[in-house]
Amino acid sequence: MQHCPNMRLIMVTEQLGAPLHLDMVRVRCKQWSCPYCAKENARQWRNHLLTRLGRPEFWGRQWCLITITAAAGAHKAGALYTLKNLQRGWAKLYHRLKRWNGGGFDYVRVFEKHENGEYGGYHMHILADVGDAWVYHYTVITRVLERESHAMMLGYKPRKRLKKEKSPERWIKDNCAACGMGNQADFSYVGKTAAGTARYATKYISKQIDILEFPPRMRRIQASRGMTLKKQGGSKIRAWRAKSAIYREDLARWNKIYDMTARHIVSIEDDFSSGQVYYPPELL
């Protein structure tokens, strides 16, 4: 599929510095339930994250990958309820992670569908900038366990403090369950190299693009403010206007018409041999 099948509209504007040259773009619905737009959305996110994570302000950061499942009751109610359960639970867990991390952090969250189990449903992967906290808490629990192991070898009983210390993996499992989600959670350290981090981020974005039964108006990918895919603002120099199609008589008015989506110059020989209208031919 070369174009979005849900939109019958194009936008046109004059080329900068060439008043008799016209640019056109094909409008798309941008929904993950659309077979064309799902691939385009994933492509934009991949390119955005690869560029974003390579910027100097992200150098040296340490990242963790968190995988969280929905509660057992949500799975029994259906796949849609697992999405709602994960959304509500993440809203609570995010604030706990902020306290655990000692402040706000950047993240990218991706939903993924699984078919295993009796009911199936969704789980989510979160790439989060809480690696420093992970390293700190992991170091603390390791030192405590080493001290207690040495004390037990000497014949002493474990101290009560040992029961309060939690590894990062145990912490995320307990807090996911406390926030109403499933306790089958995973918390692993990724590292701080931009290339490796981007590989993890784009891996789950690229998966399951062909699964289109995603609820409308629900974000399949969500990111913090510092990582979000910003909307392209309208040009303040060029005025875009809507148009239903490019007609044969338009070629007499404009010296050149350029299809920016298909990267193609519209011509009578190639595009008007069988009719009077160019784009969208599959909807005519």
C-alpha atoms as a PDB file:
ATOM      1  CA  MET A   1       0.000   0.000   0.000  1.00  0.00           C
ATOM      2  CA  GLN A   2       1.488   3.316  -1.136  1.00  0.00           C
ATOM      3  CA  HIS A   3      -1.010   5.789   0.323  1.00  0.00           C
ATOM      4  CA  CYS A   4      -3.360   6.138   3.280  1.00  0.00           C
ATOM      5  CA  PRO A   5      -6.746   4.713   2.224  1.00  0.00           C
ATOM      6  CA  ASN A   6      -8.687   6.740   4.795  1.00  0.00           C
ATOM      7  CA  MET A   7      -7.956  10.238   3.506  1.00  0.00           C
ATOM      8  CA  ARG A   8      -9.192  11.712   0.193  1.00  0.00           C
ATOM      9  CA  LEU A   9      -7.376  15.010   0.565  1.00  0.00           C
ATOM     10  CA  ILE A  10      -4.109  16.648  -0.424  1.00  0.00           C
ATOM     11  CA  MET A  11      -2.434  19.868   0.674  1.00  0.00           C
ATOM     12  CA  VAL A  12      -0.754  22.184  -1.823  1.00  0.00           C
ATOM     13  CA  THR A  13       1.482  25.247  -1.614  1.00  0.00           C
ATOM     14  CA  GLU A  14       3.748  27.250  -3.865  1.00  0.00           C
ATOM     15  CA  GLN A  15       7.421  26.338  -3.845  1.00  0.00           C
ATOM     16  CA  LEU A  16       9.708  28.842  -2.164  1.00  0.00           C
ATOM     17  CA  GLY A  17      11.340  31.123  -4.701  1.00  0.00           C
ATOM     18  CA  ALA A  18       9.318  29.641  -7.565  1.00  0.00           C
ATOM     19  CA  PRO A  19       5.787  31.072  -7.647  1.00  0.00           C
ATOM     20  CA  LEU A  20       4.793  28.950 -10.674  1.00  0.00           C
ATOM     21  CA  HIS A  21       5.891  25.689  -9.032  1.00  0.00           C
ATOM     22  CA  LEU A  22       3.419  23.804  -6.815  1.00  0.00           C
ATOM     23  CA  ASP A  23       4.198  21.327  -4.015  1.00  0.00           C
ATOM     24  CA  MET A  24       1.639  18.755  -2.876  1.00  0.00           C
ATOM     25  CA  VAL A  25       1.557  16.310   0.022  1.00  0.00           C
ATOM     26  CA  ARG A  26      -0.874  13.466   0.630  1.00  0.00           C
ATOM     27  CA  VAL A  27      -2.769  13.759   3.892  1.00  0.00           C
ATOM     28  CA  ARG A  28      -2.866  10.613   6.042  1.00  0.00           C
ATOM     29  CA  CYS A  29      -5.000   9.639   9.048  1.00  0.00           C
ATOM     30  CA  LYS A  30      -1.957   8.767  11.261  1.00  0.00           C
ATOM     31  CA  GLN A  31      -3.898   5.983  13.027  1.00  0.00           C
ATOM     32  CA  TRP A  32      -2.145   2.791  14.131  1.00  0.00           C
ATOM     33  CA  SER A  33      -5.173   0.877  12.870  1.00  0.00           C
ATOM     34  CA  CYS A  34      -4.361   1.992   9.297  1.00  0.00           C
ATOM     35  CA  PRO A  35      -2.014  -0.414   7.432  1.00  0.00           C
ATOM     36  CA  TYR A  36      -0.220   2.460   5.692  1.00  0.00           C
ATOM     37  CA  CYS A  37       0.002   4.902   8.611  1.00  0.00           C
ATOM     38  CA  ALA A  38       1.132   2.236  11.111  1.00  0.00           C
ATOM     39  CA  LYS A  39       4.322   1.655   9.120  1.00  0.00           C
ATOM     40  CA  GLU A  40       4.816   5.371   8.601  1.00  0.00           C
ATOM     41  CA  ASN A  41       4.327   6.082  12.328  1.00  0.00           C
ATOM     42  CA  ALA A  42       6.878   3.408  13.236  1.00  0.00           C
ATOM     43  CA  ARG A  43       9.361   4.801  10.701  1.00  0.00           C
ATOM     44  CA  GLN A  44       9.014   8.312  12.121  1.00  0.00           C
ATOM     45  CA  TRP A  45       9.499   7.093  15.688  1.00  0.00           C
ATOM     46  CA  ARG A  46      12.565   5.032  14.774  1.00  0.00           C
ATOM     47  CA  ASN A  47      14.209   7.958  13.018  1.00  0.00           C
ATOM     48  CA  HIS A  48      13.255  10.332  15.824  1.00  0.00           C
ATOM     49  CA  LEU A  49      14.715   8.169  18.598  1.00  0.00           C
ATOM     50  CA  LEU A  50      17.909   7.387  16.725  1.00  0.00           C
ATOM     51  CA  THR A  51      18.437  11.119  16.241  1.00  0.00           C
ATOM     52  CA  ARG A  52      17.277  12.117  19.723  1.00  0.00           C
ATOM     53  CA  LEU A  53      19.399   9.636  21.647  1.00  0.00           C
ATOM     54  CA  GLY A  54      22.468  10.694  19.689  1.00  0.00           C
ATOM     55  CA  ARG A  55      22.271  14.316  20.842  1.00  0.00           C
ATOM     56  CA  PRO A  56      24.850  15.616  23.367  1.00  0.00           C
ATOM     57  CA  GLU A  57      22.278  16.146  26.131  1.00  0.00           C
ATOM     58  CA  PHE A  58      21.659  12.378  26.184  1.00  0.00           C
ATOM     59  CA  TRP A  59      25.308  11.336  26.198  1.00  0.00           C
ATOM     60  CA  GLY A  60      26.364   9.420  29.298  1.00  0.00           C
ATOM     61  CA  ARG A  61      22.863   8.703  30.549  1.00  0.00           C
ATOM     62  CA  GLN A  62      22.143   5.236  31.873  1.00  0.00           C
ATOM     63  CA  TRP A  63      19.002   3.454  30.730  1.00  0.00           C
ATOM     64  CA  CYS A  64      16.900   0.577  31.968  1.00  0.00           C
ATOM     65  CA  LEU A  65      14.334  -1.582  30.206  1.00  0.00           C
ATOM     66  CA  ILE A  66      11.138  -2.328  32.140  1.00  0.00           C
ATOM     67  CA  THR A  67       8.608  -4.920  30.963  1.00  0.00           C
ATOM     68  CA  ILE A  68       5.241  -4.995  32.745  1.00  0.00           C
ATOM     69  CA  THR A  69       2.240  -7.280  32.333  1.00  0.00           C
ATOM     70  CA  ALA A  70      -1.372  -6.508  33.202  1.00  0.00           C
ATOM     71  CA  ALA A  71      -3.215  -7.922  36.206  1.00  0.00           C
ATOM     72  CA  ALA A  72      -4.675 -11.420  35.939  1.00  0.00           C
ATOM     73  CA  GLY A  73      -8.219 -10.089  36.281  1.00  0.00           C
ATOM     74  CA  ALA A  74      -7.713  -7.736  33.329  1.00  0.00           C
ATOM     75  CA  HIS A  75      -6.572 -10.628  31.139  1.00  0.00           C
ATOM     76  CA  LYS A  76      -9.750 -12.538  31.887  1.00  0.00           C
ATOM     77  CA  ALA A  77     -11.856  -9.507  30.930  1.00  0.00           C
ATOM     78  CA  GLY A  78     -10.252  -9.177  27.480  1.00  0.00           C
ATOM     79  CA  ALA A  79      -7.348  -7.568  25.630  1.00  0.00           C
ATOM     80  CA  LEU A  80      -8.834  -4.060  25.800  1.00  0.00           C
ATOM     81  CA  TYR A  81      -8.984  -4.237  29.589  1.00  0.00           C
ATOM     82  CA  THR A  82      -5.300  -5.118  29.760  1.00  0.00           C
ATOM     83  CA  LEU A  83      -4.518  -1.847  27.957  1.00  0.00           C
ATOM     84  CA  LYS A  84      -6.664   0.144  30.359  1.00  0.00           C
ATOM     85  CA  ASN A  85      -5.133  -1.657  33.333  1.00  0.00           C
ATOM     86  CA  LEU A  86      -1.603  -0.864  32.148  1.00  0.00           C
ATOM     87  CA  GLN A  87      -2.441   2.786  31.501  1.00  0.00           C
ATOM     88  CA  ARG A  88      -3.940   3.299  34.962  1.00  0.00           C
ATOM     89  CA  GLY A  89      -1.127   1.392  36.634  1.00  0.00           C
ATOM     90  CA  TRP A  90       1.614   3.272  34.812  1.00  0.00           C
ATOM     91  CA  ALA A  91       0.176   6.615  35.941  1.00  0.00           C
ATOM     92  CA  LYS A  92       0.756   5.476  39.539  1.00  0.00           C
ATOM     93  CA  LEU A  93       4.045   3.694  38.980  1.00  0.00           C
ATOM     94  CA  TYR A  94       5.550   6.715  37.230  1.00  0.00           C
ATOM     95  CA  HIS A  95       5.340   8.810  40.426  1.00  0.00           C
ATOM     96  CA  ARG A  96       6.873   5.994  42.465  1.00  0.00           C
ATOM     97  CA  LEU A  97       9.711   5.718  39.976  1.00  0.00           C
ATOM     98  CA  LYS A  98      10.282   9.474  40.267  1.00  0.00           C
ATOM     99  CA  ARG A  99      10.730   9.177  44.034  1.00  0.00           C
ATOM    100  CA  TRP A 100      12.885   6.061  43.625  1.00  0.00           C
ATOM    101  CA  ASN A 101      15.027   7.845  41.039  1.00  0.00           C
ATOM    102  CA  GLY A 102      15.269  11.068  43.008  1.00  0.00           C
ATOM    103  CA  GLY A 103      13.542  13.168  40.347  1.00  0.00           C
ATOM    104  CA  GLY A 104      11.945  13.164  36.905  1.00  0.00           C
ATOM    105  CA  PHE A 105      13.259  11.033  34.066  1.00  0.00           C
ATOM    106  CA  ASP A 106      12.835  10.481  30.330  1.00  0.00           C
ATOM    107  CA  TYR A 107      11.143   7.374  28.977  1.00  0.00           C
ATOM    108  CA  VAL A 108       9.563   5.778  25.911  1.00  0.00           C
ATOM    109  CA  ARG A 109       6.685   3.342  26.397  1.00  0.00           C
ATOM    110  CA  VAL A 110       5.505   0.804  23.796  1.00  0.00           C
ATOM    111  CA  PHE A 111       2.553  -1.604  23.959  1.00  0.00           C
ATOM    112  CA  GLU A 112       2.990  -5.129  22.599  1.00  0.00           C
ATOM    113  CA  LYS A 113       0.401  -7.856  22.146  1.00  0.00           C
ATOM    114  CA  HIS A 114       0.954 -11.423  23.281  1.00  0.00           C
ATOM    115  CA  GLU A 115      -1.090 -14.518  22.522  1.00  0.00           C
ATOM    116  CA  ASN A 116       0.335 -16.846  25.132  1.00  0.00           C
ATOM    117  CA  GLY A 117      -1.780 -17.858  28.079  1.00  0.00           C
ATOM    118  CA  GLU A 118      -5.478 -18.622  28.150  1.00  0.00           C
ATOM    119  CA  TYR A 119      -6.736 -15.119  27.346  1.00  0.00           C
ATOM    120  CA  GLY A 120      -3.892 -13.178  25.712  1.00  0.00           C
ATOM    121  CA  GLY A 121      -3.727  -9.400  25.970  1.00  0.00           C
ATOM    122  CA  TYR A 122      -1.110  -6.657  26.017  1.00  0.00           C
ATOM    123  CA  HIS A 123       2.017  -5.881  27.985  1.00  0.00           C
ATOM    124  CA  MET A 124       4.291  -2.857  27.756  1.00  0.00           C
ATOM    125  CA  HIS A 125       7.993  -2.165  27.395  1.00  0.00           C
ATOM    126  CA  ILE A 126       9.435   1.008  28.878  1.00  0.00           C
ATOM    127  CA  LEU A 127      12.898   2.333  28.148  1.00  0.00           C
ATOM    128  CA  ALA A 128      13.573   4.679  31.060  1.00  0.00           C
ATOM    129  CA  ASP A 129      16.411   6.946  32.126  1.00  0.00           C
ATOM    130  CA  VAL A 130      16.657   5.512  35.656  1.00  0.00           C
ATOM    131  CA  GLY A 131      19.947   3.699  35.204  1.00  0.00           C
ATOM    132  CA  ASP A 132      21.744   5.716  37.875  1.00  0.00           C
ATOM    133  CA  ALA A 133      19.107   4.716  40.406  1.00  0.00           C
ATOM    134  CA  TRP A 134      19.330   1.102  39.241  1.00  0.00           C
ATOM    135  CA  VAL A 135      23.093   1.039  39.720  1.00  0.00           C
ATOM    136  CA  TYR A 136      22.829   2.701  43.144  1.00  0.00           C
ATOM    137  CA  HIS A 137      20.133   0.385  44.520  1.00  0.00           C
ATOM    138  CA  TYR A 138      21.787  -2.676  43.017  1.00  0.00           C
ATOM    139  CA  THR A 139      25.075  -1.702  44.662  1.00  0.00           C
ATOM    140  CA  VAL A 140      23.373  -1.129  48.026  1.00  0.00           C
ATOM    141  CA  ILE A 141      21.589  -4.484  48.091  1.00  0.00           C
ATOM    142  CA  THR A 142      24.758  -6.273  46.936  1.00  0.00           C
ATOM    143  CA  ARG A 143      26.809  -4.762  49.758  1.00  0.00           C
ATOM    144  CA  VAL A 144      24.117  -5.582  52.314  1.00  0.00           C
ATOM    145  CA  LEU A 145      23.920  -9.186  51.154  1.00  0.00           C
ATOM    146  CA  GLU A 146      27.698  -9.523  51.253  1.00  0.00           C
ATOM    147  CA  ARG A 147      27.839  -8.188  54.808  1.00  0.00           C
ATOM    148  CA  GLU A 148      24.999 -10.398  55.965  1.00  0.00           C
ATOM    149  CA  SER A 149      26.493 -13.452  54.285  1.00  0.00           C
ATOM    150  CA  HIS A 150      29.788 -12.799  56.062  1.00  0.00           C
ATOM    151  CA  ALA A 151      27.962 -12.313  59.391  1.00  0.00           C
ATOM    152  CA  MET A 152      26.060 -15.586  58.980  1.00  0.00           C
ATOM    153  CA  MET A 153      29.332 -17.389  58.297  1.00  0.00           C
ATOM    154  CA  LEU A 154      30.499 -16.084  61.668  1.00  0.00           C
ATOM    155  CA  GLY A 155      27.373 -17.430  63.352  1.00  0.00           C
ATOM    156  CA  TYR A 156      25.290 -14.241  63.588  1.00  0.00           C
ATOM    157  CA  LYS A 157      21.607 -14.067  62.642  1.00  0.00           C
ATOM    158  CA  PRO A 158      20.531 -11.847  59.747  1.00  0.00           C
ATOM    159  CA  ARG A 159      19.584  -8.340  60.758  1.00  0.00           C
ATOM    160  CA  LYS A 160      16.035  -7.057  60.312  1.00  0.00           C
ATOM    161  CA  ARG A 161      17.317  -4.432  57.887  1.00  0.00           C
ATOM    162  CA  LEU A 162      17.941  -7.184  55.369  1.00  0.00           C
ATOM    163  CA  LYS A 163      14.201  -7.722  54.974  1.00  0.00           C
ATOM    164  CA  LYS A 164      13.706  -4.052  54.048  1.00  0.00           C
ATOM    165  CA  GLU A 165      16.377  -3.945  51.363  1.00  0.00           C
ATOM    166  CA  LYS A 166      15.177  -4.753  47.855  1.00  0.00           C
ATOM    167  CA  SER A 167      17.000  -5.294  44.605  1.00  0.00           C
ATOM    168  CA  PRO A 168      15.745  -3.203  41.651  1.00  0.00           C
ATOM    169  CA  GLU A 169      14.103  -6.310  40.166  1.00  0.00           C
ATOM    170  CA  ARG A 170      12.231  -7.056  43.378  1.00  0.00           C
ATOM    171  CA  TRP A 171      11.283  -3.406  43.801  1.00  0.00           C
ATOM    172  CA  ILE A 172       9.667  -3.170  40.369  1.00  0.00           C
ATOM    173  CA  LYS A 173       7.722  -6.425  40.842  1.00  0.00           C
ATOM    174  CA  ASP A 174       6.319  -5.329  44.202  1.00  0.00           C
ATOM    175  CA  ASN A 175       5.424  -1.830  43.048  1.00  0.00           C
ATOM    176  CA  CYS A 176       3.809  -2.989  39.803  1.00  0.00           C
ATOM    177  CA  ALA A 177       1.531  -5.253  41.821  1.00  0.00           C
ATOM    178  CA  ALA A 178       0.864  -2.457  44.330  1.00  0.00           C
ATOM    179  CA  CYS A 179      -0.191  -0.163  41.461  1.00  0.00           C
ATOM    180  CA  GLY A 180      -2.762  -2.700  40.259  1.00  0.00           C
ATOM    181  CA  MET A 181      -0.791  -4.306  37.450  1.00  0.00           C
ATOM    182  CA  GLY A 182       0.634  -7.808  37.200  1.00  0.00           C
ATOM    183  CA  ASN A 183       3.587  -8.947  39.271  1.00  0.00           C
ATOM    184  CA  GLN A 184       5.241 -10.582  36.251  1.00  0.00           C
ATOM    185  CA  ALA A 185       7.576  -7.671  35.635  1.00  0.00           C
ATOM    186  CA  ASP A 186      11.165  -7.417  34.502  1.00  0.00           C
ATOM    187  CA  PHE A 187      13.696  -4.679  35.238  1.00  0.00           C
ATOM    188  CA  SER A 188      17.073  -4.849  33.503  1.00  0.00           C
ATOM    189  CA  TYR A 189      19.975  -2.482  32.984  1.00  0.00           C
ATOM    190  CA  VAL A 190      20.648  -1.541  29.348  1.00  0.00           C
ATOM    191  CA  GLY A 191      23.653   0.751  29.532  1.00  0.00           C
ATOM    192  CA  LYS A 192      24.586   4.265  28.478  1.00  0.00           C
ATOM    193  CA  THR A 193      25.760   3.962  24.875  1.00  0.00           C
ATOM    194  CA  ALA A 194      23.510   5.796  22.435  1.00  0.00           C
ATOM    195  CA  ALA A 195      23.692   3.071  19.776  1.00  0.00           C
ATOM    196  CA  GLY A 196      22.750   0.259  22.152  1.00  0.00           C
ATOM    197  CA  THR A 197      19.979   2.273  23.768  1.00  0.00           C
ATOM    198  CA  ALA A 198      18.477   3.212  20.410  1.00  0.00           C
ATOM    199  CA  ARG A 199      18.539  -0.446  19.374  1.00  0.00           C
ATOM    200  CA  TYR A 200      16.408  -1.381  22.378  1.00  0.00           C
ATOM    201  CA  ALA A 201      14.053   1.538  21.774  1.00  0.00           C
ATOM    202  CA  THR A 202      13.444   0.771  18.117  1.00  0.00           C
ATOM    203  CA  LYS A 203      13.225  -3.006  18.565  1.00  0.00           C
ATOM    204  CA  TYR A 204       9.782  -2.945  20.136  1.00  0.00           C
ATOM    205  CA  ILE A 205       8.516  -0.133  17.907  1.00  0.00           C
ATOM    206  CA  SER A 206       9.254  -2.221  14.817  1.00  0.00           C
ATOM    207  CA  LYS A 207       7.522  -5.354  16.123  1.00  0.00           C
ATOM    208  CA  GLN A 208       3.913  -6.251  15.389  1.00  0.00           C
ATOM    209  CA  ILE A 209       3.178  -3.345  13.064  1.00  0.00           C
ATOM    210  CA  ASP A 210       0.854  -5.711  11.179  1.00  0.00           C
ATOM    211  CA  ILE A 211      -1.373  -6.076  14.271  1.00  0.00           C
ATOM    212  CA  LEU A 212      -3.938  -3.383  13.576  1.00  0.00           C
ATOM    213  CA  GLU A 213      -6.695  -4.121  16.104  1.00  0.00           C
ATOM    214  CA  PHE A 214      -5.539  -1.286  18.324  1.00  0.00           C
ATOM    215  CA  PRO A 215      -8.185   0.957  19.922  1.00  0.00           C
ATOM    216  CA  PRO A 216      -8.643   4.282  18.099  1.00  0.00           C
ATOM    217  CA  ARG A 217      -7.313   7.447  19.763  1.00  0.00           C
ATOM    218  CA  MET A 218      -5.068   5.374  22.034  1.00  0.00           C
ATOM    219  CA  ARG A 219      -1.337   5.990  21.793  1.00  0.00           C
ATOM    220  CA  ARG A 220       0.580   2.872  20.918  1.00  0.00           C
ATOM    221  CA  ILE A 221       3.822   4.680  21.739  1.00  0.00           C
ATOM    222  CA  GLN A 222       4.100   7.264  24.492  1.00  0.00           C
ATOM    223  CA  ALA A 223       7.121   9.249  25.607  1.00  0.00           C
ATOM    224  CA  SER A 224       8.092  11.814  28.199  1.00  0.00           C
ATOM    225  CA  ARG A 225       8.221  15.468  27.202  1.00  0.00           C
ATOM    226  CA  GLY A 226      11.920  15.316  26.450  1.00  0.00           C
ATOM    227  CA  MET A 227      11.547  12.269  24.185  1.00  0.00           C
ATOM    228  CA  THR A 228       8.225  12.857  22.480  1.00  0.00           C
ATOM    229  CA  LEU A 229       7.790  13.039  18.732  1.00  0.00           C
ATOM    230  CA  LYS A 230       6.949  16.695  18.255  1.00  0.00           C
ATOM    231  CA  LYS A 231       4.303  17.651  15.749  1.00  0.00           C
ATOM    232  CA  GLN A 232       5.514  19.465  12.699  1.00  0.00           C
ATOM    233  CA  GLY A 233       4.222  23.000  12.874  1.00  0.00           C
ATOM    234  CA  GLY A 234       2.755  24.701   9.861  1.00  0.00           C
ATOM    235  CA  SER A 235       5.068  26.864   7.817  1.00  0.00           C
ATOM    236  CA  LYS A 236       4.844  30.580   8.552  1.00  0.00           C
ATOM    237  CA  ILE A 237       6.309  31.347   5.122  1.00  0.00           C
ATOM    238  CA  ARG A 238       4.256  29.105   2.877  1.00  0.00           C
ATOM    239  CA  ALA A 239       0.472  28.983   3.011  1.00  0.00           C
ATOM    240  CA  TRP A 240      -0.902  25.454   2.624  1.00  0.00           C
ATOM    241  CA  ARG A 241      -4.416  24.878   1.382  1.00  0.00           C
ATOM    242  CA  ALA A 242      -6.573  21.794   0.961  1.00  0.00           C
ATOM    243  CA  LYS A 243      -7.377  20.398  -2.471  1.00  0.00           C
ATOM    244  CA  SER A 244      -9.293  17.285  -3.510  1.00  0.00           C
ATOM    245  CA  ALA A 245      -6.964  16.351  -6.374  1.00  0.00           C
ATOM    246  CA  ILE A 246      -4.643  17.620  -9.083  1.00  0.00           C
ATOM    247  CA  TYR A 247      -6.576  18.158 -12.325  1.00  0.00           C
ATOM    248  CA  ARG A 248      -5.343  18.198 -15.886  1.00  0.00           C
ATOM    249  CA  GLU A 249      -6.006  21.909 -16.237  1.00  0.00           C
ATOM    250  CA  ASP A 250      -3.748  22.598 -13.237  1.00  0.00           C
ATOM    251  CA  LEU A 251      -0.746  21.731 -15.392  1.00  0.00           C
ATOM    252  CA  ALA A 252      -1.598  24.642 -17.657  1.00  0.00           C
ATOM    253  CA  ARG A 253      -1.501  27.022 -14.695  1.00  0.00           C
ATOM    254  CA  TRP A 254       1.630  25.679 -12.975  1.00  0.00           C
ATOM    255  CA  ASN A 255       4.969  25.083 -14.666  1.00  0.00           C
ATOM    256  CA  LYS A 256       5.775  22.219 -12.313  1.00  0.00           C
ATOM    257  CA  ILE A 257       3.743  20.209  -9.769  1.00  0.00           C
ATOM    258  CA  TYR A 258       5.824  18.119  -7.364  1.00  0.00           C
ATOM    259  CA  ASP A 259       4.335  15.270  -5.298  1.00  0.00           C
ATOM    260  CA  MET A 260       6.436  15.455  -2.105  1.00  0.00           C
ATOM    261  CA  THR A 261       4.982  12.221  -0.695  1.00  0.00           C
ATOM    262  CA  ALA A 262       5.807  10.096  -3.744  1.00  0.00           C
ATOM    263  CA  ARG A 263       8.825  12.255  -4.722  1.00  0.00           C
ATOM    264  CA  HIS A 264       7.463  12.511  -8.213  1.00  0.00           C
ATOM    265  CA  ILE A 265       6.931  15.340 -10.711  1.00  0.00           C
ATOM    266  CA  VAL A 266       3.399  15.229 -12.068  1.00  0.00           C
ATOM    267  CA  SER A 267       3.243  15.134 -15.874  1.00  0.00           C
ATOM    268  CA  ILE A 268       0.602  14.588 -18.553  1.00  0.00           C
ATOM    269  CA  GLU A 269       2.499  11.657 -20.057  1.00  0.00           C
ATOM    270  CA  ASP A 270       2.846   9.682 -16.802  1.00  0.00           C
ATOM    271  CA  ASP A 271      -0.202  10.662 -14.747  1.00  0.00           C
ATOM    272  CA  PHE A 272      -3.040  11.767 -17.031  1.00  0.00           C
ATOM    273  CA  SER A 273      -2.970   9.155 -19.768  1.00  0.00           C
ATOM    274  CA  SER A 274      -6.245   7.562 -18.638  1.00  0.00           C
ATOM    275  CA  GLY A 275      -8.138  10.439 -17.019  1.00  0.00           C
ATOM    276  CA  GLN A 276      -8.389  14.047 -15.951  1.00  0.00           C
ATOM    277  CA  VAL A 277      -7.463  13.625 -12.273  1.00  0.00           C
ATOM    278  CA  TYR A 278      -4.235  12.777 -10.448  1.00  0.00           C
ATOM    279  CA  TYR A 279      -4.413  11.371  -6.895  1.00  0.00           C
ATOM    280  CA  PRO A 280      -5.851   9.451  -5.354  1.00  0.00           C
ATOM    281  CA  PRO A 281      -6.224   7.033  -8.312  1.00  0.00           C
ATOM    282  CA  GLU A 282      -7.048   4.021  -6.106  1.00  0.00           C
ATOM    283  CA  LEU A 283     -10.097   5.827  -4.704  1.00  0.00           C
ATOM    284  CA  LEU A 284     -11.588   7.041  -7.966  1.00  0.00           C
END
